[in-house]
Amino acid sequence: MNSTDDATLMETCITGQTLVEGNFLTFRRDQVRLPDGASASRDYVVHPGAVVIVPLLGERRVLLERQYRYPVGRVMTEFPAGKLDPGEDPLACAQRELREETGYTAAQWAHAGAMHLAIAYSTEIIHIFFARHLRPGNPARDKDEFLETHVMDVGDFFAACRDGRITDAKTLTCALWLQNVCSGSWEVAFTK
């Protein structure tokens, strides 16, 4: 997708400042040089990165979570996910998050790809993993983490995405992956 003409689109940082530093997010404002030589201001959020897991229970069922998401003021249905700790390998993070949030462990893992959720104002990248041959266990959730897990048939999951019951962007992106993997259009390489 990159072309030799990318240089004609690049912006370079002239100066930058941190406006707010939160628990794990940082809000920045940078002055940038535009391709035509003019300057502009760019406000954005620096995010440590994250993972999302598509846990497969057999051929036609997936494990999902329901939890209250304060910024949108509602309970959301989504795939298990979590942020990367500093220096953490994405696969190790995915394995940790699945175990901590759901209690499940997986015998096989596949890295499907990555996505940028809000490219206009955030550095966040989310690594997509598929997990299969799951074994149940006890979750070890953070003290401020309240969620429920439930299993959905893949067809019901796709219907919930289609009719608006599921609106979480990372879960909808994973639905695209899952639909293509289930149909055989896309492949993911599971570890042995």
N, C-alpha and C. Protein backbone atom coordinates (compact mmCIF):
# COMPACT_ATOMS: atom_id res chain seq x y z
N MET A 1 0.80 -1.20 0.00
CA MET A 1 0.00 0.00 0.00
C MET A 1 0.84 1.26 0.00
N ASN A 2 2.06 1.20 0.57
CA ASN A 2 2.93 2.37 0.55
C ASN A 2 3.39 2.61 -0.88
N SER A 3 3.53 3.87 -1.18
CA SER A 3 4.00 4.21 -2.52
C SER A 3 5.23 5.10 -2.38
N THR A 4 5.92 5.26 -3.46
CA THR A 4 7.10 6.13 -3.44
C THR A 4 6.70 7.58 -3.25
N ASP A 5 5.41 7.87 -3.41
CA ASP A 5 4.93 9.24 -3.25
C ASP A 5 4.51 9.55 -1.82
N ASP A 6 4.71 8.62 -0.87
CA ASP A 6 4.31 8.87 0.52
C ASP A 6 4.96 10.13 1.09
N ALA A 7 6.16 10.45 0.64
CA ALA A 7 6.86 11.63 1.15
C ALA A 7 6.06 12.90 0.88
N THR A 8 5.26 12.91 -0.17
CA THR A 8 4.46 14.09 -0.48
C THR A 8 3.25 14.23 0.44
N LEU A 9 3.04 13.24 1.31
CA LEU A 9 1.92 13.27 2.25
C LEU A 9 2.36 13.39 3.71
N MET A 10 3.64 13.24 3.96
CA MET A 10 4.16 13.17 5.33
C MET A 10 4.09 14.51 6.05
N GLU A 11 3.82 14.44 7.36
CA GLU A 11 3.91 15.59 8.25
C GLU A 11 5.04 15.30 9.23
N THR A 12 5.80 16.33 9.59
CA THR A 12 6.89 16.14 10.55
C THR A 12 6.68 17.04 11.76
N CYS A 13 7.03 16.52 12.92
CA CYS A 13 6.85 17.25 14.18
C CYS A 13 7.88 18.36 14.28
N ILE A 14 7.40 19.57 14.58
CA ILE A 14 8.27 20.71 14.83
C ILE A 14 8.52 20.82 16.34
N THR A 15 7.42 20.86 17.09
CA THR A 15 7.48 20.89 18.56
C THR A 15 6.29 20.10 19.08
N GLY A 16 6.39 19.66 20.32
CA GLY A 16 5.28 18.93 20.92
C GLY A 16 5.23 19.15 22.41
N GLN A 17 4.03 19.00 22.95
CA GLN A 17 3.87 19.13 24.39
C GLN A 17 2.82 18.16 24.90
N THR A 18 3.04 17.70 26.12
CA THR A 18 2.06 16.87 26.79
C THR A 18 1.08 17.79 27.50
N LEU A 19 -0.21 17.65 27.20
CA LEU A 19 -1.24 18.48 27.83
C LEU A 19 -1.76 17.83 29.11
N VAL A 20 -2.01 16.52 29.05
CA VAL A 20 -2.52 15.79 30.21
C VAL A 20 -1.89 14.41 30.21
N GLU A 21 -1.43 13.98 31.37
CA GLU A 21 -0.91 12.62 31.52
C GLU A 21 -1.82 11.89 32.50
N GLY A 22 -2.53 10.87 32.01
CA GLY A 22 -3.44 10.11 32.85
C GLY A 22 -2.82 8.84 33.36
N ASN A 23 -3.68 7.92 33.82
CA ASN A 23 -3.19 6.64 34.35
C ASN A 23 -2.46 5.83 33.29
N PHE A 24 -3.00 5.80 32.08
CA PHE A 24 -2.30 5.09 31.00
C PHE A 24 -2.42 5.79 29.65
N LEU A 25 -3.16 6.88 29.59
CA LEU A 25 -3.28 7.66 28.36
C LEU A 25 -2.59 9.01 28.54
N THR A 26 -2.03 9.52 27.45
CA THR A 26 -1.41 10.84 27.44
C THR A 26 -2.04 11.64 26.31
N PHE A 27 -2.42 12.88 26.61
CA PHE A 27 -2.99 13.76 25.59
C PHE A 27 -1.92 14.76 25.18
N ARG A 28 -1.62 14.81 23.88
CA ARG A 28 -0.54 15.65 23.36
C ARG A 28 -1.05 16.64 22.31
N ARG A 29 -0.29 17.71 22.17
CA ARG A 29 -0.50 18.67 21.08
C ARG A 29 0.86 18.90 20.43
N ASP A 30 0.94 18.61 19.14
CA ASP A 30 2.17 18.82 18.37
C ASP A 30 1.94 19.86 17.29
N GLN A 31 2.95 20.66 17.03
CA GLN A 31 2.98 21.53 15.86
C GLN A 31 3.72 20.74 14.79
N VAL A 32 3.12 20.65 13.61
CA VAL A 32 3.71 19.85 12.54
C VAL A 32 3.94 20.70 11.29
N ARG A 33 4.92 20.27 10.52
CA ARG A 33 5.18 20.86 9.21
C ARG A 33 4.42 20.02 8.19
N LEU A 34 3.57 20.67 7.41
CA LEU A 34 2.77 19.99 6.39
C LEU A 34 3.61 19.78 5.13
N PRO A 35 3.16 18.92 4.23
CA PRO A 35 3.92 18.65 3.00
C PRO A 35 4.20 19.90 2.16
N ASP A 36 3.30 20.89 2.24
CA ASP A 36 3.51 22.10 1.44
C ASP A 36 4.34 23.16 2.16
N GLY A 37 4.84 22.84 3.37
CA GLY A 37 5.68 23.77 4.12
C GLY A 37 4.94 24.56 5.18
N ALA A 38 3.62 24.61 5.12
CA ALA A 38 2.84 25.31 6.14
C ALA A 38 2.89 24.50 7.44
N SER A 39 2.39 25.09 8.52
CA SER A 39 2.35 24.36 9.79
C SER A 39 0.91 24.24 10.27
N ALA A 40 0.70 23.26 11.14
CA ALA A 40 -0.63 23.01 11.70
C ALA A 40 -0.46 22.39 13.08
N SER A 41 -1.54 22.35 13.82
CA SER A 41 -1.55 21.76 15.16
C SER A 41 -2.26 20.42 15.11
N ARG A 42 -1.73 19.42 15.82
CA ARG A 42 -2.33 18.08 15.89
C ARG A 42 -2.49 17.68 17.35
N ASP A 43 -3.74 17.50 17.78
CA ASP A 43 -4.04 16.98 19.11
C ASP A 43 -4.29 15.49 18.99
N TYR A 44 -3.71 14.70 19.90
CA TYR A 44 -3.92 13.26 19.82
C TYR A 44 -3.65 12.59 21.17
N VAL A 45 -4.15 11.38 21.28
CA VAL A 45 -3.99 10.56 22.47
C VAL A 45 -2.91 9.52 22.21
N VAL A 46 -1.96 9.41 23.14
CA VAL A 46 -0.94 8.36 23.07
C VAL A 46 -1.44 7.19 23.91
N HIS A 47 -1.56 6.04 23.29
CA HIS A 47 -2.10 4.83 23.92
C HIS A 47 -1.03 3.75 23.89
N PRO A 48 -0.93 2.91 24.94
CA PRO A 48 0.14 1.90 24.97
C PRO A 48 -0.05 0.72 24.03
N GLY A 49 -1.21 0.62 23.41
CA GLY A 49 -1.52 -0.54 22.56
C GLY A 49 -2.31 -1.57 23.34
N ALA A 50 -2.92 -2.49 22.62
CA ALA A 50 -3.82 -3.44 23.26
C ALA A 50 -3.93 -4.71 22.42
N VAL A 51 -4.68 -5.65 22.95
CA VAL A 51 -5.00 -6.89 22.25
C VAL A 51 -6.49 -7.14 22.35
N VAL A 52 -7.01 -7.90 21.40
CA VAL A 52 -8.37 -8.43 21.47
C VAL A 52 -8.29 -9.89 21.08
N ILE A 53 -9.12 -10.70 21.75
CA ILE A 53 -9.07 -12.14 21.54
C ILE A 53 -10.43 -12.63 21.04
N VAL A 54 -10.41 -13.46 19.99
CA VAL A 54 -11.60 -14.15 19.50
C VAL A 54 -11.51 -15.58 20.03
N PRO A 55 -12.17 -15.87 21.17
CA PRO A 55 -12.08 -17.21 21.76
C PRO A 55 -13.11 -18.15 21.11
N LEU A 56 -12.63 -19.19 20.47
CA LEU A 56 -13.48 -20.14 19.76
C LEU A 56 -13.78 -21.34 20.66
N LEU A 57 -15.05 -21.60 20.84
CA LEU A 57 -15.50 -22.79 21.59
C LEU A 57 -16.07 -23.75 20.56
N GLY A 58 -15.26 -24.64 20.07
CA GLY A 58 -15.69 -25.53 19.00
C GLY A 58 -15.71 -24.78 17.68
N GLU A 59 -16.51 -25.29 16.75
CA GLU A 59 -16.55 -24.71 15.41
C GLU A 59 -17.51 -23.53 15.27
N ARG A 60 -18.56 -23.48 16.08
CA ARG A 60 -19.63 -22.51 15.82
C ARG A 60 -20.01 -21.66 17.02
N ARG A 61 -19.14 -21.58 18.04
CA ARG A 61 -19.48 -20.76 19.21
C ARG A 61 -18.28 -19.90 19.61
N VAL A 62 -18.59 -18.72 20.15
CA VAL A 62 -17.55 -17.80 20.61
C VAL A 62 -17.86 -17.36 22.04
N LEU A 63 -16.81 -17.03 22.76
CA LEU A 63 -16.92 -16.54 24.14
C LEU A 63 -16.84 -15.02 24.11
N LEU A 64 -17.82 -14.38 24.72
CA LEU A 64 -17.89 -12.92 24.75
C LEU A 64 -18.00 -12.43 26.19
N GLU A 65 -17.84 -11.13 26.36
CA GLU A 65 -18.00 -10.49 27.66
C GLU A 65 -19.05 -9.40 27.57
N ARG A 66 -19.68 -9.14 28.71
CA ARG A 66 -20.57 -7.99 28.85
C ARG A 66 -20.02 -7.18 30.02
N GLN A 67 -19.80 -5.89 29.77
CA GLN A 67 -19.37 -5.03 30.87
C GLN A 67 -19.80 -3.60 30.62
N TYR A 68 -19.97 -2.88 31.73
CA TYR A 68 -20.36 -1.48 31.65
C TYR A 68 -19.16 -0.66 31.20
N ARG A 69 -19.37 0.17 30.19
CA ARG A 69 -18.32 1.05 29.70
C ARG A 69 -18.72 2.50 30.01
N TYR A 70 -18.06 3.07 30.98
CA TYR A 70 -18.42 4.39 31.51
C TYR A 70 -18.50 5.49 30.44
N PRO A 71 -17.52 5.62 29.53
CA PRO A 71 -17.58 6.72 28.56
C PRO A 71 -18.85 6.73 27.70
N VAL A 72 -19.41 5.56 27.39
CA VAL A 72 -20.63 5.52 26.58
C VAL A 72 -21.87 5.28 27.42
N GLY A 73 -21.69 5.04 28.71
CA GLY A 73 -22.81 4.94 29.64
C GLY A 73 -23.71 3.75 29.43
N ARG A 74 -23.13 2.61 29.02
CA ARG A 74 -23.98 1.43 28.82
C ARG A 74 -23.17 0.14 28.91
N VAL A 75 -23.89 -0.94 29.08
CA VAL A 75 -23.27 -2.27 29.08
C VAL A 75 -23.03 -2.65 27.63
N MET A 76 -21.81 -3.08 27.35
CA MET A 76 -21.42 -3.44 25.99
C MET A 76 -21.08 -4.92 25.92
N THR A 77 -21.38 -5.53 24.78
CA THR A 77 -20.96 -6.90 24.50
C THR A 77 -19.73 -6.81 23.61
N GLU A 78 -18.68 -7.53 24.02
CA GLU A 78 -17.41 -7.42 23.29
C GLU A 78 -16.57 -8.67 23.51
N PHE A 79 -15.56 -8.83 22.66
CA PHE A 79 -14.59 -9.88 22.86
C PHE A 79 -13.64 -9.48 23.98
N PRO A 80 -13.04 -10.45 24.68
CA PRO A 80 -12.05 -10.12 25.71
C PRO A 80 -10.91 -9.30 25.10
N ALA A 81 -10.43 -8.34 25.87
CA ALA A 81 -9.38 -7.44 25.37
C ALA A 81 -8.68 -6.80 26.56
N GLY A 82 -7.55 -6.19 26.27
CA GLY A 82 -6.84 -5.47 27.32
C GLY A 82 -5.62 -4.77 26.79
N LYS A 83 -5.12 -3.85 27.60
CA LYS A 83 -3.97 -3.04 27.16
C LYS A 83 -2.66 -3.76 27.43
N LEU A 84 -1.70 -3.43 26.60
CA LEU A 84 -0.34 -3.95 26.76
C LEU A 84 0.36 -3.27 27.92
N ASP A 85 1.04 -4.05 28.74
CA ASP A 85 1.93 -3.48 29.74
C ASP A 85 3.22 -3.04 29.04
N PRO A 86 3.97 -2.09 29.61
CA PRO A 86 5.20 -1.63 28.95
C PRO A 86 6.14 -2.80 28.62
N GLY A 87 6.54 -2.90 27.36
CA GLY A 87 7.45 -3.93 26.90
C GLY A 87 6.85 -5.32 26.75
N GLU A 88 5.55 -5.45 26.97
CA GLU A 88 4.91 -6.77 26.92
C GLU A 88 4.69 -7.24 25.48
N ASP A 89 4.97 -8.50 25.24
CA ASP A 89 4.71 -9.13 23.95
C ASP A 89 3.19 -9.24 23.75
N PRO A 90 2.65 -8.90 22.57
CA PRO A 90 1.21 -8.97 22.36
C PRO A 90 0.61 -10.35 22.63
N LEU A 91 1.27 -11.44 22.23
CA LEU A 91 0.73 -12.77 22.51
C LEU A 91 0.67 -13.03 24.00
N ALA A 92 1.70 -12.67 24.73
CA ALA A 92 1.70 -12.85 26.19
C ALA A 92 0.56 -12.05 26.82
N CYS A 93 0.32 -10.85 26.31
CA CYS A 93 -0.78 -10.02 26.80
C CYS A 93 -2.12 -10.68 26.52
N ALA A 94 -2.30 -11.21 25.31
CA ALA A 94 -3.56 -11.88 24.95
C ALA A 94 -3.81 -13.08 25.86
N GLN A 95 -2.78 -13.87 26.09
CA GLN A 95 -2.92 -15.04 26.97
C GLN A 95 -3.27 -14.61 28.39
N ARG A 96 -2.61 -13.56 28.88
CA ARG A 96 -2.88 -13.05 30.22
C ARG A 96 -4.31 -12.50 30.33
N GLU A 97 -4.72 -11.70 29.36
CA GLU A 97 -6.05 -11.09 29.42
C GLU A 97 -7.16 -12.14 29.35
N LEU A 98 -7.02 -13.14 28.48
CA LEU A 98 -8.04 -14.18 28.39
C LEU A 98 -8.16 -14.90 29.73
N ARG A 99 -7.04 -15.26 30.32
CA ARG A 99 -7.03 -15.97 31.60
C ARG A 99 -7.60 -15.09 32.73
N GLU A 100 -7.13 -13.84 32.82
CA GLU A 100 -7.57 -12.96 33.91
C GLU A 100 -9.06 -12.63 33.81
N GLU A 101 -9.53 -12.31 32.60
CA GLU A 101 -10.91 -11.85 32.45
C GLU A 101 -11.93 -12.99 32.43
N THR A 102 -11.57 -14.11 31.82
CA THR A 102 -12.56 -15.18 31.63
C THR A 102 -12.24 -16.46 32.39
N GLY A 103 -11.00 -16.64 32.79
CA GLY A 103 -10.57 -17.88 33.42
C GLY A 103 -10.12 -18.93 32.41
N TYR A 104 -10.41 -18.71 31.15
CA TYR A 104 -10.05 -19.69 30.12
C TYR A 104 -8.58 -19.57 29.72
N THR A 105 -7.99 -20.71 29.35
CA THR A 105 -6.70 -20.76 28.69
C THR A 105 -6.92 -21.47 27.36
N ALA A 106 -6.01 -21.26 26.43
CA ALA A 106 -6.15 -21.85 25.09
C ALA A 106 -4.91 -22.64 24.74
N ALA A 107 -5.12 -23.78 24.08
CA ALA A 107 -4.00 -24.62 23.64
C ALA A 107 -3.37 -24.08 22.36
N GLN A 108 -4.15 -23.36 21.55
CA GLN A 108 -3.63 -22.85 20.28
C GLN A 108 -4.02 -21.38 20.10
N TRP A 109 -3.06 -20.64 19.55
CA TRP A 109 -3.24 -19.21 19.31
C TRP A 109 -2.84 -18.86 17.88
N ALA A 110 -3.51 -17.85 17.33
CA ALA A 110 -3.15 -17.34 16.01
C ALA A 110 -3.21 -15.82 16.04
N HIS A 111 -2.16 -15.17 15.56
CA HIS A 111 -2.16 -13.72 15.41
C HIS A 111 -2.77 -13.42 14.05
N ALA A 112 -3.94 -12.78 14.04
CA ALA A 112 -4.64 -12.51 12.79
C ALA A 112 -4.16 -11.23 12.12
N GLY A 113 -3.85 -10.22 12.90
CA GLY A 113 -3.45 -8.94 12.34
C GLY A 113 -3.53 -7.87 13.40
N ALA A 114 -3.61 -6.63 12.94
CA ALA A 114 -3.70 -5.50 13.85
C ALA A 114 -4.61 -4.44 13.25
N MET A 115 -5.12 -3.57 14.10
CA MET A 115 -5.99 -2.48 13.64
C MET A 115 -5.68 -1.21 14.42
N HIS A 116 -5.86 -0.09 13.75
CA HIS A 116 -5.80 1.22 14.39
C HIS A 116 -7.24 1.71 14.48
N LEU A 117 -7.70 1.98 15.69
CA LEU A 117 -9.12 2.29 15.88
C LEU A 117 -9.50 3.73 15.56
N ALA A 118 -8.64 4.67 15.86
CA ALA A 118 -9.00 6.08 15.69
C ALA A 118 -7.80 6.84 15.16
N ILE A 119 -7.48 6.63 13.89
CA ILE A 119 -6.23 7.14 13.32
C ILE A 119 -6.14 8.67 13.28
N ALA A 120 -7.25 9.35 13.39
CA ALA A 120 -7.23 10.81 13.34
C ALA A 120 -6.79 11.42 14.67
N TYR A 121 -6.93 10.67 15.78
CA TYR A 121 -6.62 11.29 17.07
C TYR A 121 -6.03 10.34 18.11
N SER A 122 -5.55 9.17 17.70
CA SER A 122 -4.98 8.24 18.69
C SER A 122 -3.90 7.37 18.05
N THR A 123 -2.89 7.03 18.86
CA THR A 123 -1.84 6.11 18.42
C THR A 123 -2.22 4.66 18.67
N GLU A 124 -3.39 4.40 19.23
CA GLU A 124 -3.77 3.05 19.65
C GLU A 124 -3.71 2.04 18.50
N ILE A 125 -3.05 0.93 18.77
CA ILE A 125 -3.05 -0.22 17.87
C ILE A 125 -3.53 -1.41 18.69
N ILE A 126 -4.40 -2.22 18.09
CA ILE A 126 -4.91 -3.41 18.76
C ILE A 126 -4.53 -4.63 17.93
N HIS A 127 -3.85 -5.57 18.57
CA HIS A 127 -3.46 -6.83 17.92
C HIS A 127 -4.60 -7.83 18.08
N ILE A 128 -4.99 -8.47 16.98
CA ILE A 128 -6.11 -9.42 16.95
C ILE A 128 -5.58 -10.84 17.05
N PHE A 129 -6.09 -11.58 18.03
CA PHE A 129 -5.71 -12.98 18.20
C PHE A 129 -6.94 -13.87 18.19
N PHE A 130 -6.79 -15.04 17.61
CA PHE A 130 -7.78 -16.11 17.73
C PHE A 130 -7.22 -17.12 18.73
N ALA A 131 -8.10 -17.68 19.55
CA ALA A 131 -7.71 -18.70 20.52
C ALA A 131 -8.68 -19.87 20.39
N ARG A 132 -8.14 -21.10 20.40
CA ARG A 132 -9.02 -22.27 20.32
C ARG A 132 -8.51 -23.38 21.23
N HIS A 133 -9.34 -24.43 21.33
CA HIS A 133 -9.09 -25.53 22.27
C HIS A 133 -8.98 -24.94 23.68
N LEU A 134 -10.08 -24.28 24.08
CA LEU A 134 -10.13 -23.58 25.36
C LEU A 134 -10.37 -24.54 26.52
N ARG A 135 -9.76 -24.20 27.65
CA ARG A 135 -9.97 -24.93 28.90
C ARG A 135 -10.46 -23.94 29.94
N PRO A 136 -11.58 -24.26 30.62
CA PRO A 136 -12.10 -23.32 31.62
C PRO A 136 -11.23 -23.28 32.87
N GLY A 137 -11.31 -22.19 33.57
CA GLY A 137 -10.61 -22.01 34.84
C GLY A 137 -11.26 -20.87 35.60
N ASN A 138 -10.58 -20.36 36.59
CA ASN A 138 -11.11 -19.26 37.40
C ASN A 138 -10.49 -17.94 36.97
N PRO A 139 -11.34 -16.93 36.72
CA PRO A 139 -10.80 -15.62 36.35
C PRO A 139 -10.03 -15.00 37.51
N ALA A 140 -9.15 -14.07 37.19
CA ALA A 140 -8.40 -13.30 38.19
C ALA A 140 -8.50 -11.83 37.81
N ARG A 141 -9.71 -11.30 37.88
CA ARG A 141 -9.97 -9.93 37.41
C ARG A 141 -9.37 -8.89 38.34
N ASP A 142 -9.11 -7.71 37.75
CA ASP A 142 -8.68 -6.57 38.56
C ASP A 142 -9.80 -6.21 39.52
N LYS A 143 -9.45 -5.57 40.65
CA LYS A 143 -10.45 -5.26 41.67
C LYS A 143 -11.53 -4.29 41.18
N ASP A 144 -11.23 -3.53 40.15
CA ASP A 144 -12.22 -2.59 39.61
C ASP A 144 -12.85 -3.08 38.31
N GLU A 145 -12.73 -4.37 38.04
CA GLU A 145 -13.23 -4.96 36.79
C GLU A 145 -14.44 -5.85 37.08
N PHE A 146 -15.59 -5.46 36.55
CA PHE A 146 -16.82 -6.21 36.73
C PHE A 146 -17.36 -6.58 35.36
N LEU A 147 -17.44 -7.86 35.08
CA LEU A 147 -17.94 -8.30 33.78
C LEU A 147 -18.55 -9.68 33.89
N GLU A 148 -19.33 -10.02 32.88
CA GLU A 148 -19.93 -11.35 32.76
C GLU A 148 -19.45 -11.94 31.45
N THR A 149 -19.23 -13.25 31.44
CA THR A 149 -18.91 -13.94 30.19
C THR A 149 -20.14 -14.72 29.74
N HIS A 150 -20.27 -14.87 28.44
CA HIS A 150 -21.33 -15.72 27.90
C HIS A 150 -20.91 -16.24 26.53
N VAL A 151 -21.54 -17.32 26.15
CA VAL A 151 -21.23 -18.00 24.89
C VAL A 151 -22.33 -17.68 23.89
N MET A 152 -21.93 -17.41 22.65
CA MET A 152 -22.90 -17.17 21.58
C MET A 152 -22.58 -18.07 20.40
N ASP A 153 -23.62 -18.56 19.77
CA ASP A 153 -23.48 -19.23 18.48
C ASP A 153 -22.99 -18.18 17.48
N VAL A 154 -22.14 -18.59 16.57
CA VAL A 154 -21.56 -17.65 15.60
C VAL A 154 -22.65 -16.93 14.80
N GLY A 155 -23.70 -17.64 14.39
CA GLY A 155 -24.79 -17.01 13.65
C GLY A 155 -25.49 -15.94 14.47
N ASP A 156 -25.74 -16.22 15.75
CA ASP A 156 -26.35 -15.22 16.63
C ASP A 156 -25.41 -14.03 16.84
N PHE A 157 -24.12 -14.31 16.94
CA PHE A 157 -23.13 -13.24 17.08
C PHE A 157 -23.16 -12.32 15.86
N PHE A 158 -23.14 -12.90 14.66
CA PHE A 158 -23.19 -12.07 13.45
C PHE A 158 -24.49 -11.27 13.39
N ALA A 159 -25.60 -11.86 13.81
CA ALA A 159 -26.89 -11.15 13.82
C ALA A 159 -26.83 -9.97 14.79
N ALA A 160 -26.20 -10.16 15.96
CA ALA A 160 -26.08 -9.08 16.94
C ALA A 160 -25.21 -7.94 16.41
N CYS A 161 -24.21 -8.27 15.63
CA CYS A 161 -23.38 -7.24 14.98
C CYS A 161 -24.19 -6.50 13.92
N ARG A 162 -24.96 -7.25 13.17
CA ARG A 162 -25.74 -6.68 12.06
C ARG A 162 -26.86 -5.78 12.57
N ASP A 163 -27.55 -6.20 13.64
CA ASP A 163 -28.73 -5.43 14.08
C ASP A 163 -28.42 -4.35 15.11
N GLY A 164 -27.15 -4.15 15.45
CA GLY A 164 -26.78 -3.05 16.33
C GLY A 164 -26.72 -3.37 17.80
N ARG A 165 -26.94 -4.62 18.19
CA ARG A 165 -26.78 -4.97 19.61
C ARG A 165 -25.32 -4.92 20.00
N ILE A 166 -24.43 -5.22 19.08
CA ILE A 166 -22.99 -5.09 19.30
C ILE A 166 -22.50 -3.93 18.46
N THR A 167 -21.92 -2.92 19.14
CA THR A 167 -21.44 -1.73 18.43
C THR A 167 -19.96 -1.43 18.72
N ASP A 168 -19.32 -2.24 19.54
CA ASP A 168 -17.91 -2.05 19.86
C ASP A 168 -17.06 -2.25 18.61
N ALA A 169 -16.22 -1.26 18.28
CA ALA A 169 -15.47 -1.29 17.02
C ALA A 169 -14.51 -2.46 16.92
N LYS A 170 -13.80 -2.78 18.00
CA LYS A 170 -12.84 -3.89 17.91
C LYS A 170 -13.57 -5.21 17.71
N THR A 171 -14.73 -5.36 18.33
CA THR A 171 -15.50 -6.59 18.18
C THR A 171 -16.08 -6.68 16.77
N LEU A 172 -16.52 -5.56 16.21
CA LEU A 172 -17.03 -5.57 14.84
C LEU A 172 -15.92 -5.90 13.84
N THR A 173 -14.72 -5.39 14.08
CA THR A 173 -13.59 -5.74 13.21
C THR A 173 -13.30 -7.23 13.31
N CYS A 174 -13.35 -7.76 14.53
CA CYS A 174 -13.13 -9.20 14.72
C CYS A 174 -14.24 -10.02 14.06
N ALA A 175 -15.45 -9.47 14.00
CA ALA A 175 -16.55 -10.16 13.32
C ALA A 175 -16.22 -10.34 11.84
N LEU A 176 -15.63 -9.31 11.24
CA LEU A 176 -15.20 -9.42 9.84
C LEU A 176 -14.17 -10.55 9.69
N TRP A 177 -13.19 -10.57 10.58
CA TRP A 177 -12.19 -11.64 10.55
C TRP A 177 -12.85 -13.00 10.72
N LEU A 178 -13.71 -13.11 11.73
CA LEU A 178 -14.34 -14.40 12.03
C LEU A 178 -15.20 -14.88 10.86
N GLN A 179 -15.96 -13.97 10.27
CA GLN A 179 -16.80 -14.34 9.13
C GLN A 179 -15.95 -14.88 7.98
N ASN A 180 -14.83 -14.24 7.70
CA ASN A 180 -13.96 -14.69 6.62
C ASN A 180 -13.22 -15.97 6.95
N VAL A 181 -12.84 -16.14 8.21
CA VAL A 181 -12.19 -17.39 8.62
C VAL A 181 -13.20 -18.54 8.55
N CYS A 182 -14.42 -18.32 9.05
CA CYS A 182 -15.45 -19.36 9.01
C CYS A 182 -15.81 -19.77 7.59
N SER A 183 -15.80 -18.81 6.67
CA SER A 183 -16.16 -19.11 5.27
C SER A 183 -14.99 -19.73 4.50
N GLY A 184 -13.80 -19.69 5.07
CA GLY A 184 -12.63 -20.21 4.38
C GLY A 184 -11.95 -19.19 3.48
N SER A 185 -12.47 -17.96 3.44
CA SER A 185 -11.87 -16.92 2.60
C SER A 185 -10.52 -16.45 3.13
N TRP A 186 -10.40 -16.40 4.47
CA TRP A 186 -9.15 -15.99 5.10
C TRP A 186 -8.67 -17.13 5.99
N GLU A 187 -7.38 -17.21 6.16
CA GLU A 187 -6.80 -18.22 7.04
C GLU A 187 -6.02 -17.55 8.16
N VAL A 188 -6.01 -18.19 9.31
CA VAL A 188 -5.12 -17.78 10.39
C VAL A 188 -4.27 -19.00 10.74
N ALA A 189 -3.02 -18.76 11.06
CA ALA A 189 -2.08 -19.86 11.35
C ALA A 189 -1.99 -20.08 12.85
N PHE A 190 -2.61 -21.14 13.32
CA PHE A 190 -2.57 -21.46 14.75
C PHE A 190 -1.25 -22.11 15.11
N THR A 191 -0.76 -21.79 16.31
CA THR A 191 0.44 -22.44 16.83
C THR A 191 0.09 -23.86 17.25
N LYS A 192 1.05 -24.71 17.27
CA LYS A 192 0.83 -26.10 17.70
C LYS A 192 1.02 -26.22 19.18
